[in-house]
Amino acid sequence: MNYVYILRCADGTLYCGWTTDLEARLATHNSGKGAKYTRSRRPVELVYSEAYEDRHDALSREWHIKRMTREEKLALARADRVVK
């Protein structure tokens, strides 16, 4: 499984990435061994994720999310928390 995710960093900024193991990737970010961007902005919190069978689909979605505004990313994260 491939995952696209959004993290909220300790300074309030957002980070988007993709992985095949969401829990391990979150632990890597919080250990300071993740992306350069998140190393100085720990701890990070997972606020949104999507699962994809196909790697290409996940990378395409990551590309689209990275081009969203901050407000659009926050709305995406809020919508995910709505109980259906």
C-alpha atoms as a PDB file:
ATOM      1  CA  MET A   1       0.000   0.000   0.000  1.00  0.00           C
ATOM      2  CA  ASN A   2       1.161   3.544  -0.774  1.00  0.00           C
ATOM      3  CA  TYR A   3       0.197   6.507   1.366  1.00  0.00           C
ATOM      4  CA  VAL A   4       0.113  10.254   0.834  1.00  0.00           C
ATOM      5  CA  TYR A   5       0.159  12.196   4.074  1.00  0.00           C
ATOM      6  CA  ILE A   6       0.148  15.676   5.560  1.00  0.00           C
ATOM      7  CA  LEU A   7       1.985  16.472   8.778  1.00  0.00           C
ATOM      8  CA  ARG A   8       1.563  19.478  11.046  1.00  0.00           C
ATOM      9  CA  CYS A   9       4.965  20.533  12.332  1.00  0.00           C
ATOM     10  CA  ALA A  10       5.637  22.009  15.776  1.00  0.00           C
ATOM     11  CA  ASP A  11       5.917  25.497  14.243  1.00  0.00           C
ATOM     12  CA  GLY A  12       2.450  25.131  12.649  1.00  0.00           C
ATOM     13  CA  THR A  13       3.663  24.583   9.094  1.00  0.00           C
ATOM     14  CA  LEU A  14       2.453  21.685   6.953  1.00  0.00           C
ATOM     15  CA  TYR A  15       4.510  19.012   5.210  1.00  0.00           C
ATOM     16  CA  CYS A  16       3.255  16.605   2.521  1.00  0.00           C
ATOM     17  CA  GLY A  17       4.933  13.355   1.542  1.00  0.00           C
ATOM     18  CA  TRP A  18       4.361   9.743   0.507  1.00  0.00           C
ATOM     19  CA  THR A  19       5.437   6.393   1.916  1.00  0.00           C
ATOM     20  CA  THR A  20       4.705   2.678   1.903  1.00  0.00           C
ATOM     21  CA  ASP A  21       4.704   2.467   5.729  1.00  0.00           C
ATOM     22  CA  LEU A  22       2.883   5.341   7.389  1.00  0.00           C
ATOM     23  CA  GLU A  23       3.679   4.497  11.028  1.00  0.00           C
ATOM     24  CA  ALA A  24       7.382   3.957  10.338  1.00  0.00           C
ATOM     25  CA  ARG A  25       7.610   7.166   8.316  1.00  0.00           C
ATOM     26  CA  LEU A  26       5.996   9.201  11.091  1.00  0.00           C
ATOM     27  CA  ALA A  27       8.461   7.707  13.591  1.00  0.00           C
ATOM     28  CA  THR A  28      11.335   8.554  11.239  1.00  0.00           C
ATOM     29  CA  HIS A  29      10.188  12.174  10.958  1.00  0.00           C
ATOM     30  CA  ASN A  30       9.865  12.479  14.736  1.00  0.00           C
ATOM     31  CA  SER A  31      13.285  10.909  15.341  1.00  0.00           C
ATOM     32  CA  GLY A  32      14.953  13.640  13.293  1.00  0.00           C
ATOM     33  CA  LYS A  33      15.967  11.299  10.487  1.00  0.00           C
ATOM     34  CA  GLY A  34      13.138  12.174   8.121  1.00  0.00           C
ATOM     35  CA  ALA A  35      12.962  14.950   5.568  1.00  0.00           C
ATOM     36  CA  LYS A  36      15.307  17.897   6.025  1.00  0.00           C
ATOM     37  CA  TYR A  37      12.279  20.184   6.323  1.00  0.00           C
ATOM     38  CA  THR A  38      10.845  18.360   9.347  1.00  0.00           C
ATOM     39  CA  ARG A  39      14.129  17.811  11.227  1.00  0.00           C
ATOM     40  CA  SER A  40      14.089  21.225  12.865  1.00  0.00           C
ATOM     41  CA  ARG A  41      10.307  21.346  13.217  1.00  0.00           C
ATOM     42  CA  ARG A  42       9.682  18.379  15.521  1.00  0.00           C
ATOM     43  CA  PRO A  43       7.527  16.941  16.821  1.00  0.00           C
ATOM     44  CA  VAL A  44       5.263  16.416  13.841  1.00  0.00           C
ATOM     45  CA  GLU A  45       1.669  15.211  13.934  1.00  0.00           C
ATOM     46  CA  LEU A  46      -0.153  13.281  11.225  1.00  0.00           C
ATOM     47  CA  VAL A  47      -3.241  15.269  10.220  1.00  0.00           C
ATOM     48  CA  TYR A  48      -4.234  13.568   6.958  1.00  0.00           C
ATOM     49  CA  SER A  49      -3.523  10.477   4.880  1.00  0.00           C
ATOM     50  CA  GLU A  50      -4.852   8.687   1.799  1.00  0.00           C
ATOM     51  CA  ALA A  51      -4.107   5.097   0.747  1.00  0.00           C
ATOM     52  CA  TYR A  52      -3.417   3.976  -2.831  1.00  0.00           C
ATOM     53  CA  GLU A  53      -2.712   0.564  -4.322  1.00  0.00           C
ATOM     54  CA  ASP A  54      -0.629   2.064  -7.123  1.00  0.00           C
ATOM     55  CA  ARG A  55       2.578   4.018  -6.420  1.00  0.00           C
ATOM     56  CA  HIS A  56       2.030   6.253  -9.433  1.00  0.00           C
ATOM     57  CA  ASP A  57      -1.403   7.285  -8.154  1.00  0.00           C
ATOM     58  CA  ALA A  58       0.054   8.158  -4.741  1.00  0.00           C
ATOM     59  CA  LEU A  59       2.868  10.224  -6.251  1.00  0.00           C
ATOM     60  CA  SER A  60       0.421  12.013  -8.517  1.00  0.00           C
ATOM     61  CA  ARG A  61      -1.825  12.862  -5.573  1.00  0.00           C
ATOM     62  CA  GLU A  62       1.176  14.097  -3.557  1.00  0.00           C
ATOM     63  CA  TRP A  63       2.096  16.388  -6.458  1.00  0.00           C
ATOM     64  CA  HIS A  64      -1.433  17.821  -6.508  1.00  0.00           C
ATOM     65  CA  ILE A  65      -1.599  18.305  -2.735  1.00  0.00           C
ATOM     66  CA  LYS A  66       1.754  20.110  -2.712  1.00  0.00           C
ATOM     67  CA  ARG A  67       0.284  22.653  -5.123  1.00  0.00           C
ATOM     68  CA  MET A  68      -2.694  23.379  -2.859  1.00  0.00           C
ATOM     69  CA  THR A  69      -2.805  26.447  -0.678  1.00  0.00           C
ATOM     70  CA  ARG A  70      -2.371  26.079   3.072  1.00  0.00           C
ATOM     71  CA  GLU A  71      -6.096  26.719   3.527  1.00  0.00           C
ATOM     72  CA  GLU A  72      -6.987  23.975   1.038  1.00  0.00           C
ATOM     73  CA  LYS A  73      -4.692  21.503   2.826  1.00  0.00           C
ATOM     74  CA  LEU A  74      -6.225  22.357   6.198  1.00  0.00           C
ATOM     75  CA  ALA A  75      -9.729  21.942   4.754  1.00  0.00           C
ATOM     76  CA  LEU A  76      -8.716  18.534   3.410  1.00  0.00           C
ATOM     77  CA  ALA A  77      -7.484  17.523   6.869  1.00  0.00           C
ATOM     78  CA  ARG A  78     -10.679  18.825   8.532  1.00  0.00           C
ATOM     79  CA  ALA A  79     -12.912  16.997   6.051  1.00  0.00           C
ATOM     80  CA  ASP A  80     -11.104  13.749   6.829  1.00  0.00           C
ATOM     81  CA  ARG A  81     -12.062  14.076  10.490  1.00  0.00           C
ATOM     82  CA  VAL A  82     -15.776  14.378   9.800  1.00  0.00           C
ATOM     83  CA  VAL A  83     -17.582  11.307  11.111  1.00  0.00           C
ATOM     84  CA  LYS A  84     -19.625   9.708   8.334  1.00  0.00           C
END
